[in-house]
Amino acid sequence: MTIQAPTGSSAIRVNTRVEDRPAIVVGSGYIALLIGFACLLLSVYTAYGAFWRNGQVSWLTLFCALCLFLIAVLFAGAIYTLQPNESAVLTLFGSYAGTDSAPGLRATIPLFHARKVSQRVRYNECEKLKVNDLIGNPIEIGAVVVWRVEDCAKAIFQINDYADFVGAQTESALRHIAGRHPYDFDEASSHPASDAAATPEREAARTLSLRESGDQVTNELIAELRDRLTIAGVTIDEAWINHLAYAPEIAPVMLRRQQASAVIAARKLVVSGAVEIVKEALDKLREETDIDLDPERKAAMVSNLLVVLVSDKDATPVVNTGTLYA
């Protein structure tokens, strides 16, 4: 049977779907060890009797001794050990027979082959990737993913090497997530090319930036990785972005852009405050004094106050000792 399992934006085909199920086991390995040891002793005793009984070799007794020895070997081969958070996938002549997860000395039915799979928590550190964000800026991004095997049968039979598969899917998912969001929200809002090709999906993604919306972007990365790795029987416990920066070729330019944006924001704040101060000064001058300024003098006063308040350097006033009408 062929099934198609969705993984993010692509699909992976597998010929046969397998899932974990309990295996048929003898139980404690000590019982199998005792049976094997008893059969070994009995085979030695039987072989001894075959050669020394009445001075003739008993081929039937010798055959029984050989059978007992083979039984001892089979029971010895059926014994294996499992540590905590470790499972054994059992197969019989290539056919899946179940999974045993009980720790300790274990034994299965003879002729079953046990393949151990660790279910301990592991982590995969994705190296820095150079990708383009939503508006095309080249950036460097890296992530750390904490994962573990949840379904041992899928990890063994549906993926050739599940550890390499996790690394490849982590890199692919990180590239996909980085391309769905801008590095910074301000850049996406002011980028004309992105507005021209705007779609509802791109507009929704553009509201989350890689730099400012780290938690939401990380949640998207975890959800996509879980979807991609379901076919391998792997689950994601945690993930986070451990490196995010502009690519070296545009880093100086983007730094100057950010500095310019900060200067413009500061200037706007200074001008807004200066206008409020001038307005308050004119109101107090009109309310608390009898001086009535004509429009020309008021404009001159506003201009002088704004120059003094907005200037980066100390202003040097010029005192007019005459009148405007002299």
C-alpha atoms as a PDB file:
ATOM      1  CA  MET A   1       0.000   0.000   0.000  1.00  0.00           C
ATOM      2  CA  THR A   2       1.284   3.458  -0.903  1.00  0.00           C
ATOM      3  CA  ILE A   3       0.315   6.485   1.172  1.00  0.00           C
ATOM      4  CA  GLN A   4       1.109  10.149   0.818  1.00  0.00           C
ATOM      5  CA  ALA A   5       1.955  12.083   3.968  1.00  0.00           C
ATOM      6  CA  PRO A   6       1.910  15.890   3.845  1.00  0.00           C
ATOM      7  CA  THR A   7       4.964  17.677   5.181  1.00  0.00           C
ATOM      8  CA  GLY A   8       4.609  21.432   5.024  1.00  0.00           C
ATOM      9  CA  SER A   9       4.500  22.570   1.420  1.00  0.00           C
ATOM     10  CA  SER A  10       5.606  19.200  -0.010  1.00  0.00           C
ATOM     11  CA  ALA A  11       4.635  15.543   0.304  1.00  0.00           C
ATOM     12  CA  ILE A  12       6.633  12.383   0.980  1.00  0.00           C
ATOM     13  CA  ARG A  13       5.540   9.009  -0.356  1.00  0.00           C
ATOM     14  CA  VAL A  14       6.069   5.811   1.627  1.00  0.00           C
ATOM     15  CA  ASN A  15       5.289   2.325   0.428  1.00  0.00           C
ATOM     16  CA  THR A  16       4.133   0.822   3.722  1.00  0.00           C
ATOM     17  CA  ARG A  17       2.824   2.586   6.785  1.00  0.00           C
ATOM     18  CA  VAL A  18       3.979   1.185  10.128  1.00  0.00           C
ATOM     19  CA  GLU A  19       3.271   2.324  13.663  1.00  0.00           C
ATOM     20  CA  ASP A  20       4.460   1.214  17.075  1.00  0.00           C
ATOM     21  CA  ARG A  21       2.681  -1.745  18.614  1.00  0.00           C
ATOM     22  CA  PRO A  22       3.619  -3.973  21.586  1.00  0.00           C
ATOM     23  CA  ALA A  23       5.933  -6.823  20.727  1.00  0.00           C
ATOM     24  CA  ILE A  24       5.545 -10.460  21.713  1.00  0.00           C
ATOM     25  CA  VAL A  25       8.417 -11.073  24.122  1.00  0.00           C
ATOM     26  CA  VAL A  26       9.429 -13.804  26.526  1.00  0.00           C
ATOM     27  CA  GLY A  27       9.742 -11.153  29.211  1.00  0.00           C
ATOM     28  CA  SER A  28      12.647 -11.047  31.601  1.00  0.00           C
ATOM     29  CA  GLY A  29      15.943 -11.951  30.030  1.00  0.00           C
ATOM     30  CA  TYR A  30      16.963 -13.860  33.134  1.00  0.00           C
ATOM     31  CA  ILE A  31      14.427 -16.572  32.325  1.00  0.00           C
ATOM     32  CA  ALA A  32      15.778 -16.939  28.791  1.00  0.00           C
ATOM     33  CA  LEU A  33      19.335 -16.903  30.159  1.00  0.00           C
ATOM     34  CA  LEU A  34      18.463 -19.684  32.599  1.00  0.00           C
ATOM     35  CA  ILE A  35      16.787 -21.761  29.878  1.00  0.00           C
ATOM     36  CA  GLY A  36      19.750 -21.301  27.531  1.00  0.00           C
ATOM     37  CA  PHE A  37      22.264 -22.214  30.232  1.00  0.00           C
ATOM     38  CA  ALA A  38      20.259 -25.322  31.186  1.00  0.00           C
ATOM     39  CA  CYS A  39      20.061 -26.418  27.545  1.00  0.00           C
ATOM     40  CA  LEU A  40      23.805 -25.898  27.163  1.00  0.00           C
ATOM     41  CA  LEU A  41      24.587 -28.075  30.198  1.00  0.00           C
ATOM     42  CA  LEU A  42      22.119 -30.699  29.052  1.00  0.00           C
ATOM     43  CA  SER A  43      23.636 -30.760  25.562  1.00  0.00           C
ATOM     44  CA  VAL A  44      27.119 -31.308  27.022  1.00  0.00           C
ATOM     45  CA  TYR A  45      25.864 -34.117  29.266  1.00  0.00           C
ATOM     46  CA  THR A  46      23.971 -35.731  26.393  1.00  0.00           C
ATOM     47  CA  ALA A  47      26.973 -35.549  24.057  1.00  0.00           C
ATOM     48  CA  TYR A  48      29.180 -37.083  26.736  1.00  0.00           C
ATOM     49  CA  GLY A  49      26.748 -39.980  27.111  1.00  0.00           C
ATOM     50  CA  ALA A  50      26.579 -40.476  23.346  1.00  0.00           C
ATOM     51  CA  PHE A  51      30.316 -41.201  23.129  1.00  0.00           C
ATOM     52  CA  TRP A  52      30.802 -43.236  26.282  1.00  0.00           C
ATOM     53  CA  ARG A  53      27.684 -45.427  26.476  1.00  0.00           C
ATOM     54  CA  ASN A  54      28.604 -49.125  25.934  1.00  0.00           C
ATOM     55  CA  GLY A  55      31.703 -48.048  24.041  1.00  0.00           C
ATOM     56  CA  GLN A  56      29.681 -47.117  20.941  1.00  0.00           C
ATOM     57  CA  VAL A  57      28.618 -43.775  19.486  1.00  0.00           C
ATOM     58  CA  SER A  58      24.848 -43.178  19.648  1.00  0.00           C
ATOM     59  CA  TRP A  59      24.041 -40.985  16.687  1.00  0.00           C
ATOM     60  CA  LEU A  60      20.486 -40.343  17.904  1.00  0.00           C
ATOM     61  CA  THR A  61      21.760 -39.150  21.277  1.00  0.00           C
ATOM     62  CA  LEU A  62      24.371 -37.015  19.545  1.00  0.00           C
ATOM     63  CA  PHE A  63      21.669 -35.458  17.376  1.00  0.00           C
ATOM     64  CA  CYS A  64      19.624 -34.622  20.492  1.00  0.00           C
ATOM     65  CA  ALA A  65      22.693 -33.015  22.046  1.00  0.00           C
ATOM     66  CA  LEU A  66      23.171 -30.898  18.906  1.00  0.00           C
ATOM     67  CA  CYS A  67      19.522 -29.807  19.030  1.00  0.00           C
ATOM     68  CA  LEU A  68      19.857 -28.806  22.684  1.00  0.00           C
ATOM     69  CA  PHE A  69      22.987 -26.819  21.842  1.00  0.00           C
ATOM     70  CA  LEU A  70      21.161 -24.990  19.019  1.00  0.00           C
ATOM     71  CA  ILE A  71      18.285 -24.182  21.390  1.00  0.00           C
ATOM     72  CA  ALA A  72      20.787 -22.716  23.867  1.00  0.00           C
ATOM     73  CA  VAL A  73      22.331 -20.603  21.095  1.00  0.00           C
ATOM     74  CA  LEU A  74      18.901 -19.361  19.965  1.00  0.00           C
ATOM     75  CA  PHE A  75      17.909 -18.331  23.491  1.00  0.00           C
ATOM     76  CA  ALA A  76      21.268 -16.621  23.978  1.00  0.00           C
ATOM     77  CA  GLY A  77      20.711 -14.660  20.731  1.00  0.00           C
ATOM     78  CA  ALA A  78      17.231 -13.627  21.859  1.00  0.00           C
ATOM     79  CA  ILE A  79      18.567 -11.821  24.945  1.00  0.00           C
ATOM     80  CA  TYR A  80      19.154  -8.054  24.835  1.00  0.00           C
ATOM     81  CA  THR A  81      19.344  -5.155  27.275  1.00  0.00           C
ATOM     82  CA  LEU A  82      17.406  -1.889  27.236  1.00  0.00           C
ATOM     83  CA  GLN A  83      18.232   1.261  29.150  1.00  0.00           C
ATOM     84  CA  PRO A  84      15.636   3.839  30.236  1.00  0.00           C
ATOM     85  CA  ASN A  85      14.289   5.856  27.272  1.00  0.00           C
ATOM     86  CA  GLU A  86      15.419   3.162  24.863  1.00  0.00           C
ATOM     87  CA  SER A  87      13.307   0.763  22.789  1.00  0.00           C
ATOM     88  CA  ALA A  88      13.906  -2.317  20.654  1.00  0.00           C
ATOM     89  CA  VAL A  89      12.202  -2.737  17.296  1.00  0.00           C
ATOM     90  CA  LEU A  90      11.700  -6.464  16.668  1.00  0.00           C
ATOM     91  CA  THR A  91      11.587  -8.064  13.243  1.00  0.00           C
ATOM     92  CA  LEU A  92      11.108 -11.650  12.074  1.00  0.00           C
ATOM     93  CA  PHE A  93      12.757 -12.319   8.699  1.00  0.00           C
ATOM     94  CA  GLY A  94      12.287  -8.652   7.764  1.00  0.00           C
ATOM     95  CA  SER A  95       8.674  -8.395   8.936  1.00  0.00           C
ATOM     96  CA  TYR A  96       7.873  -5.929  11.729  1.00  0.00           C
ATOM     97  CA  ALA A  97       6.881  -7.796  14.891  1.00  0.00           C
ATOM     98  CA  GLY A  98       6.477  -5.002  17.455  1.00  0.00           C
ATOM     99  CA  THR A  99       8.365  -2.699  19.784  1.00  0.00           C
ATOM    100  CA  ASP A 100       9.587  -3.440  23.298  1.00  0.00           C
ATOM    101  CA  SER A 101      10.219  -0.449  25.583  1.00  0.00           C
ATOM    102  CA  ALA A 102      10.648  -2.059  29.027  1.00  0.00           C
ATOM    103  CA  PRO A 103      14.148  -1.381  30.423  1.00  0.00           C
ATOM    104  CA  GLY A 104      16.398  -4.087  31.800  1.00  0.00           C
ATOM    105  CA  LEU A 105      17.530  -7.518  30.614  1.00  0.00           C
ATOM    106  CA  ARG A 106      14.922  -8.602  28.063  1.00  0.00           C
ATOM    107  CA  ALA A 107      14.334 -11.604  25.847  1.00  0.00           C
ATOM    108  CA  THR A 108      12.185 -12.125  22.811  1.00  0.00           C
ATOM    109  CA  ILE A 109      11.145 -15.156  20.848  1.00  0.00           C
ATOM    110  CA  PRO A 110      14.143 -16.893  19.230  1.00  0.00           C
ATOM    111  CA  LEU A 111      14.829 -15.892  15.624  1.00  0.00           C
ATOM    112  CA  PHE A 112      13.505 -12.378  16.296  1.00  0.00           C
ATOM    113  CA  HIS A 113      16.000  -9.613  15.565  1.00  0.00           C
ATOM    114  CA  ALA A 114      16.091  -6.604  17.906  1.00  0.00           C
ATOM    115  CA  ARG A 115      17.223  -3.195  16.698  1.00  0.00           C
ATOM    116  CA  LYS A 116      17.661  -0.593  19.423  1.00  0.00           C
ATOM    117  CA  VAL A 117      16.384   2.976  19.073  1.00  0.00           C
ATOM    118  CA  SER A 118      17.183   5.743  21.560  1.00  0.00           C
ATOM    119  CA  GLN A 119      14.227   7.863  22.651  1.00  0.00           C
ATOM    120  CA  ARG A 120      16.304  10.300  24.634  1.00  0.00           C
ATOM    121  CA  VAL A 121      16.029  14.022  24.017  1.00  0.00           C
ATOM    122  CA  ARG A 122      18.499  15.287  21.427  1.00  0.00           C
ATOM    123  CA  TYR A 123      19.200  18.633  19.865  1.00  0.00           C
ATOM    124  CA  ASN A 124      20.143  19.710  16.383  1.00  0.00           C
ATOM    125  CA  GLU A 125      21.955  23.006  15.859  1.00  0.00           C
ATOM    126  CA  CYS A 126      21.326  24.334  12.380  1.00  0.00           C
ATOM    127  CA  GLU A 127      24.314  26.274  11.117  1.00  0.00           C
ATOM    128  CA  LYS A 128      23.929  29.873   9.970  1.00  0.00           C
ATOM    129  CA  LEU A 129      21.957  29.997   6.744  1.00  0.00           C
ATOM    130  CA  LYS A 130      22.050  32.826   4.240  1.00  0.00           C
ATOM    131  CA  VAL A 131      18.483  33.412   3.005  1.00  0.00           C
ATOM    132  CA  ASN A 132      16.270  36.225   1.729  1.00  0.00           C
ATOM    133  CA  ASP A 133      13.494  37.574   3.911  1.00  0.00           C
ATOM    134  CA  LEU A 134      10.011  38.524   2.698  1.00  0.00           C
ATOM    135  CA  ILE A 135      11.151  41.709   0.934  1.00  0.00           C
ATOM    136  CA  GLY A 136      14.343  40.213  -0.493  1.00  0.00           C
ATOM    137  CA  ASN A 137      16.969  41.394   1.994  1.00  0.00           C
ATOM    138  CA  PRO A 138      19.773  38.816   2.445  1.00  0.00           C
ATOM    139  CA  ILE A 139      19.992  37.759   6.090  1.00  0.00           C
ATOM    140  CA  GLU A 140      21.776  35.168   8.201  1.00  0.00           C
ATOM    141  CA  ILE A 141      19.663  32.970  10.452  1.00  0.00           C
ATOM    142  CA  GLY A 142      20.340  29.931  12.640  1.00  0.00           C
ATOM    143  CA  ALA A 143      18.257  27.816  14.992  1.00  0.00           C
ATOM    144  CA  VAL A 144      18.477  25.091  17.634  1.00  0.00           C
ATOM    145  CA  VAL A 145      15.876  22.305  17.649  1.00  0.00           C
ATOM    146  CA  VAL A 146      15.265  19.916  20.563  1.00  0.00           C
ATOM    147  CA  TRP A 147      13.729  16.635  19.369  1.00  0.00           C
ATOM    148  CA  ARG A 148      13.204  12.988  20.256  1.00  0.00           C
ATOM    149  CA  VAL A 149      11.924   9.811  18.645  1.00  0.00           C
ATOM    150  CA  GLU A 150       8.287   9.201  19.529  1.00  0.00           C
ATOM    151  CA  ASP A 151       7.381   6.332  17.178  1.00  0.00           C
ATOM    152  CA  CYS A 152      10.293   3.893  16.842  1.00  0.00           C
ATOM    153  CA  ALA A 153       8.725   1.848  14.038  1.00  0.00           C
ATOM    154  CA  LYS A 154       8.327   4.913  11.818  1.00  0.00           C
ATOM    155  CA  ALA A 155      11.866   6.067  12.598  1.00  0.00           C
ATOM    156  CA  ILE A 156      13.315   2.704  11.533  1.00  0.00           C
ATOM    157  CA  PHE A 157      11.138   1.615   8.613  1.00  0.00           C
ATOM    158  CA  GLN A 158       9.928   4.846   6.988  1.00  0.00           C
ATOM    159  CA  ILE A 159      13.175   6.845   7.029  1.00  0.00           C
ATOM    160  CA  ASN A 160      16.618   5.584   6.085  1.00  0.00           C
ATOM    161  CA  ASP A 161      18.430   7.822   8.597  1.00  0.00           C
ATOM    162  CA  TYR A 162      16.069   9.768  10.831  1.00  0.00           C
ATOM    163  CA  ALA A 163      18.853  11.876  12.415  1.00  0.00           C
ATOM    164  CA  ASP A 164      19.968  13.195   9.015  1.00  0.00           C
ATOM    165  CA  PHE A 165      16.320  13.653   8.063  1.00  0.00           C
ATOM    166  CA  VAL A 166      15.774  15.901  11.093  1.00  0.00           C
ATOM    167  CA  GLY A 167      18.763  18.052  10.105  1.00  0.00           C
ATOM    168  CA  ALA A 168      17.621  18.399   6.494  1.00  0.00           C
ATOM    169  CA  GLN A 169      14.034  19.245   7.416  1.00  0.00           C
ATOM    170  CA  THR A 170      15.199  21.756  10.037  1.00  0.00           C
ATOM    171  CA  GLU A 171      17.204  23.644   7.423  1.00  0.00           C
ATOM    172  CA  SER A 172      14.336  23.520   4.911  1.00  0.00           C
ATOM    173  CA  ALA A 173      11.738  24.707   7.438  1.00  0.00           C
ATOM    174  CA  LEU A 174      14.003  27.514   8.672  1.00  0.00           C
ATOM    175  CA  ARG A 175      14.498  28.766   5.121  1.00  0.00           C
ATOM    176  CA  HIS A 176      10.745  28.657   4.516  1.00  0.00           C
ATOM    177  CA  ILE A 177       9.893  30.529   7.726  1.00  0.00           C
ATOM    178  CA  ALA A 178      12.582  33.177   7.118  1.00  0.00           C
ATOM    179  CA  GLY A 179      11.216  33.818   3.625  1.00  0.00           C
ATOM    180  CA  ARG A 180       7.689  34.378   4.940  1.00  0.00           C
ATOM    181  CA  HIS A 181       8.547  37.293   7.244  1.00  0.00           C
ATOM    182  CA  PRO A 182      10.542  40.522   6.959  1.00  0.00           C
ATOM    183  CA  TYR A 183      13.595  41.084   9.088  1.00  0.00           C
ATOM    184  CA  ASP A 184      12.031  44.253  10.468  1.00  0.00           C
ATOM    185  CA  PHE A 185       8.418  45.421  10.319  1.00  0.00           C
ATOM    186  CA  ASP A 186       9.359  49.030   9.465  1.00  0.00           C
ATOM    187  CA  GLU A 187      11.193  47.898   6.347  1.00  0.00           C
ATOM    188  CA  ALA A 188       8.242  45.832   5.114  1.00  0.00           C
ATOM    189  CA  SER A 189       5.830  48.711   5.664  1.00  0.00           C
ATOM    190  CA  SER A 190       7.933  51.106   3.606  1.00  0.00           C
ATOM    191  CA  HIS A 191       9.068  48.777   0.850  1.00  0.00           C
ATOM    192  CA  PRO A 192       7.264  49.636  -2.415  1.00  0.00           C
ATOM    193  CA  ALA A 193       7.994  46.332  -4.148  1.00  0.00           C
ATOM    194  CA  SER A 194       6.322  44.350  -1.417  1.00  0.00           C
ATOM    195  CA  ASP A 195       3.226  46.563  -1.601  1.00  0.00           C
ATOM    196  CA  ALA A 196       2.955  45.992  -5.336  1.00  0.00           C
ATOM    197  CA  ALA A 197       2.903  42.197  -4.963  1.00  0.00           C
ATOM    198  CA  ALA A 198       0.861  42.117  -1.771  1.00  0.00           C
ATOM    199  CA  THR A 199      -1.458  39.187  -1.151  1.00  0.00           C
ATOM    200  CA  PRO A 200      -3.591  38.406   1.915  1.00  0.00           C
ATOM    201  CA  GLU A 201      -1.097  35.748   3.017  1.00  0.00           C
ATOM    202  CA  ARG A 202       1.886  38.084   2.572  1.00  0.00           C
ATOM    203  CA  GLU A 203       0.062  40.875   4.378  1.00  0.00           C
ATOM    204  CA  ALA A 204      -0.652  38.558   7.330  1.00  0.00           C
ATOM    205  CA  ALA A 205       2.948  37.336   7.425  1.00  0.00           C
ATOM    206  CA  ARG A 206       4.305  40.873   7.149  1.00  0.00           C
ATOM    207  CA  THR A 207       2.723  41.809  10.473  1.00  0.00           C
ATOM    208  CA  LEU A 208       5.287  39.525  12.164  1.00  0.00           C
ATOM    209  CA  SER A 209       8.945  40.429  11.859  1.00  0.00           C
ATOM    210  CA  LEU A 210      11.835  38.092  12.546  1.00  0.00           C
ATOM    211  CA  ARG A 211      13.498  40.603  14.875  1.00  0.00           C
ATOM    212  CA  GLU A 212      10.507  41.748  16.930  1.00  0.00           C
ATOM    213  CA  SER A 213       8.153  38.721  16.848  1.00  0.00           C
ATOM    214  CA  GLY A 214      10.538  36.001  17.972  1.00  0.00           C
ATOM    215  CA  ASP A 215       7.998  33.954  19.961  1.00  0.00           C
ATOM    216  CA  GLN A 216       5.421  33.840  17.149  1.00  0.00           C
ATOM    217  CA  VAL A 217       8.059  32.970  14.546  1.00  0.00           C
ATOM    218  CA  THR A 218       9.431  30.225  16.801  1.00  0.00           C
ATOM    219  CA  ASN A 219       5.942  28.775  17.248  1.00  0.00           C
ATOM    220  CA  GLU A 220       5.530  28.700  13.472  1.00  0.00           C
ATOM    221  CA  LEU A 221       8.876  26.920  13.141  1.00  0.00           C
ATOM    222  CA  ILE A 222       7.891  24.296  15.737  1.00  0.00           C
ATOM    223  CA  ALA A 223       4.503  23.683  14.099  1.00  0.00           C
ATOM    224  CA  GLU A 224       6.029  23.276  10.642  1.00  0.00           C
ATOM    225  CA  LEU A 225       8.767  20.947  11.887  1.00  0.00           C
ATOM    226  CA  ARG A 226       6.259  18.759  13.698  1.00  0.00           C
ATOM    227  CA  ASP A 227       4.243  18.493  10.510  1.00  0.00           C
ATOM    228  CA  ARG A 228       7.309  17.660   8.424  1.00  0.00           C
ATOM    229  CA  LEU A 229       8.735  15.093  10.875  1.00  0.00           C
ATOM    230  CA  THR A 230       5.536  13.174  11.623  1.00  0.00           C
ATOM    231  CA  ILE A 231       6.384  10.655   8.912  1.00  0.00           C
ATOM    232  CA  ALA A 232       9.688   9.895  10.681  1.00  0.00           C
ATOM    233  CA  GLY A 233       8.093   9.320  14.085  1.00  0.00           C
ATOM    234  CA  VAL A 234       9.940  12.333  15.509  1.00  0.00           C
ATOM    235  CA  THR A 235       8.416  15.073  17.653  1.00  0.00           C
ATOM    236  CA  ILE A 236       9.771  18.544  18.420  1.00  0.00           C
ATOM    237  CA  ASP A 237       9.878  19.586  22.078  1.00  0.00           C
ATOM    238  CA  GLU A 238      11.444  23.028  21.707  1.00  0.00           C
ATOM    239  CA  ALA A 239      13.113  25.297  19.186  1.00  0.00           C
ATOM    240  CA  TRP A 240      14.562  28.780  19.158  1.00  0.00           C
ATOM    241  CA  ILE A 241      16.433  31.105  16.804  1.00  0.00           C
ATOM    242  CA  ASN A 242      19.987  31.514  18.077  1.00  0.00           C
ATOM    243  CA  HIS A 243      21.356  33.776  15.322  1.00  0.00           C
ATOM    244  CA  LEU A 244      19.721  36.544  13.314  1.00  0.00           C
ATOM    245  CA  ALA A 245      21.574  39.287  11.460  1.00  0.00           C
ATOM    246  CA  TYR A 246      21.818  41.010   8.116  1.00  0.00           C
ATOM    247  CA  ALA A 247      24.212  39.487   5.608  1.00  0.00           C
ATOM    248  CA  PRO A 248      27.684  41.125   5.696  1.00  0.00           C
ATOM    249  CA  GLU A 249      27.265  42.771   2.289  1.00  0.00           C
ATOM    250  CA  ILE A 250      24.299  44.893   3.400  1.00  0.00           C
ATOM    251  CA  ALA A 251      24.899  45.125   7.136  1.00  0.00           C
ATOM    252  CA  PRO A 252      26.647  48.570   7.028  1.00  0.00           C
ATOM    253  CA  VAL A 253      23.926  50.039   4.801  1.00  0.00           C
ATOM    254  CA  MET A 254      21.105  48.717   6.992  1.00  0.00           C
ATOM    255  CA  LEU A 255      22.895  50.010  10.087  1.00  0.00           C
ATOM    256  CA  ARG A 256      23.011  53.518   8.593  1.00  0.00           C
ATOM    257  CA  ARG A 257      19.342  53.171   7.675  1.00  0.00           C
ATOM    258  CA  GLN A 258      18.437  52.277  11.236  1.00  0.00           C
ATOM    259  CA  GLN A 259      20.519  55.169  12.546  1.00  0.00           C
ATOM    260  CA  ALA A 260      18.777  57.535  10.111  1.00  0.00           C
ATOM    261  CA  SER A 261      15.371  56.258  11.236  1.00  0.00           C
ATOM    262  CA  ALA A 262      16.343  56.858  14.863  1.00  0.00           C
ATOM    263  CA  VAL A 263      17.540  60.400  14.068  1.00  0.00           C
ATOM    264  CA  ILE A 264      14.311  61.197  12.192  1.00  0.00           C
ATOM    265  CA  ALA A 265      12.212  59.888  15.080  1.00  0.00           C
ATOM    266  CA  ALA A 266      14.219  61.973  17.550  1.00  0.00           C
ATOM    267  CA  ARG A 267      13.869  65.088  15.367  1.00  0.00           C
ATOM    268  CA  LYS A 268      10.111  64.594  15.151  1.00  0.00           C
ATOM    269  CA  LEU A 269       9.912  64.361  18.918  1.00  0.00           C
ATOM    270  CA  VAL A 270      12.028  67.494  19.377  1.00  0.00           C
ATOM    271  CA  VAL A 271       9.997  69.516  16.851  1.00  0.00           C
ATOM    272  CA  SER A 272       6.705  68.390  18.381  1.00  0.00           C
ATOM    273  CA  GLY A 273       7.904  69.397  21.837  1.00  0.00           C
ATOM    274  CA  ALA A 274       9.219  72.737  20.564  1.00  0.00           C
ATOM    275  CA  VAL A 275       5.886  73.578  18.931  1.00  0.00           C
ATOM    276  CA  GLU A 276       4.089  72.832  22.195  1.00  0.00           C
ATOM    277  CA  ILE A 277       6.522  75.038  24.124  1.00  0.00           C
ATOM    278  CA  VAL A 278       6.098  77.930  21.661  1.00  0.00           C
ATOM    279  CA  LYS A 279       2.318  77.620  21.762  1.00  0.00           C
ATOM    280  CA  GLU A 280       2.334  77.618  25.546  1.00  0.00           C
ATOM    281  CA  ALA A 281       4.686  80.636  25.615  1.00  0.00           C
ATOM    282  CA  LEU A 282       2.433  82.647  23.287  1.00  0.00           C
ATOM    283  CA  ASP A 283      -0.669  81.737  25.289  1.00  0.00           C
ATOM    284  CA  LYS A 284       0.937  82.783  28.574  1.00  0.00           C
ATOM    285  CA  LEU A 285       2.275  85.987  27.026  1.00  0.00           C
ATOM    286  CA  ARG A 286      -1.190  86.905  25.834  1.00  0.00           C
ATOM    287  CA  GLU A 287      -2.970  85.932  29.065  1.00  0.00           C
ATOM    288  CA  GLU A 288      -0.563  87.277  31.694  1.00  0.00           C
ATOM    289  CA  THR A 289       0.736  90.449  30.033  1.00  0.00           C
ATOM    290  CA  ASP A 290      -0.771  93.373  28.205  1.00  0.00           C
ATOM    291  CA  ILE A 291       1.571  92.901  25.249  1.00  0.00           C
ATOM    292  CA  ASP A 292      -0.370  92.378  22.070  1.00  0.00           C
ATOM    293  CA  LEU A 293       1.888  91.083  19.292  1.00  0.00           C
ATOM    294  CA  ASP A 294       0.969  91.751  15.713  1.00  0.00           C
ATOM    295  CA  PRO A 295       1.276  88.856  13.215  1.00  0.00           C
ATOM    296  CA  GLU A 296       4.695  89.988  12.029  1.00  0.00           C
ATOM    297  CA  ARG A 297       6.212  90.116  15.536  1.00  0.00           C
ATOM    298  CA  LYS A 298       4.486  86.871  16.487  1.00  0.00           C
ATOM    299  CA  ALA A 299       5.975  85.144  13.447  1.00  0.00           C
ATOM    300  CA  ALA A 300       9.428  86.478  14.295  1.00  0.00           C
ATOM    301  CA  MET A 301       9.096  85.299  17.909  1.00  0.00           C
ATOM    302  CA  VAL A 302       7.934  81.827  16.821  1.00  0.00           C
ATOM    303  CA  SER A 303      10.836  81.574  14.392  1.00  0.00           C
ATOM    304  CA  ASN A 304      13.395  82.614  17.002  1.00  0.00           C
ATOM    305  CA  LEU A 305      12.009  80.229  19.658  1.00  0.00           C
ATOM    306  CA  LEU A 306      11.975  77.290  17.252  1.00  0.00           C
ATOM    307  CA  VAL A 307      15.562  77.982  16.225  1.00  0.00           C
ATOM    308  CA  VAL A 308      16.649  78.065  19.865  1.00  0.00           C
ATOM    309  CA  LEU A 309      14.724  74.947  20.862  1.00  0.00           C
ATOM    310  CA  VAL A 310      15.418  72.754  17.826  1.00  0.00           C
ATOM    311  CA  SER A 311      19.057  73.648  17.208  1.00  0.00           C
ATOM    312  CA  ASP A 312      21.697  71.069  18.168  1.00  0.00           C
ATOM    313  CA  LYS A 313      24.079  73.813  19.287  1.00  0.00           C
ATOM    314  CA  ASP A 314      23.664  76.716  21.646  1.00  0.00           C
ATOM    315  CA  ALA A 315      22.076  79.649  19.826  1.00  0.00           C
ATOM    316  CA  THR A 316      23.808  83.060  19.849  1.00  0.00           C
ATOM    317  CA  PRO A 317      21.043  85.692  20.078  1.00  0.00           C
ATOM    318  CA  VAL A 318      21.221  89.010  18.277  1.00  0.00           C
ATOM    319  CA  VAL A 319      19.678  91.801  20.369  1.00  0.00           C
ATOM    320  CA  ASN A 320      17.756  94.418  18.395  1.00  0.00           C
ATOM    321  CA  THR A 321      17.942  97.753  20.204  1.00  0.00           C
ATOM    322  CA  GLY A 322      15.736  99.558  17.778  1.00  0.00           C
ATOM    323  CA  THR A 323      12.204  99.009  16.618  1.00  0.00           C
ATOM    324  CA  LEU A 324      10.768  97.241  13.663  1.00  0.00           C
ATOM    325  CA  TYR A 325       9.382 100.564  12.340  1.00  0.00           C
ATOM    326  CA  ALA A 326      12.436 102.774  12.795  1.00  0.00           C
END
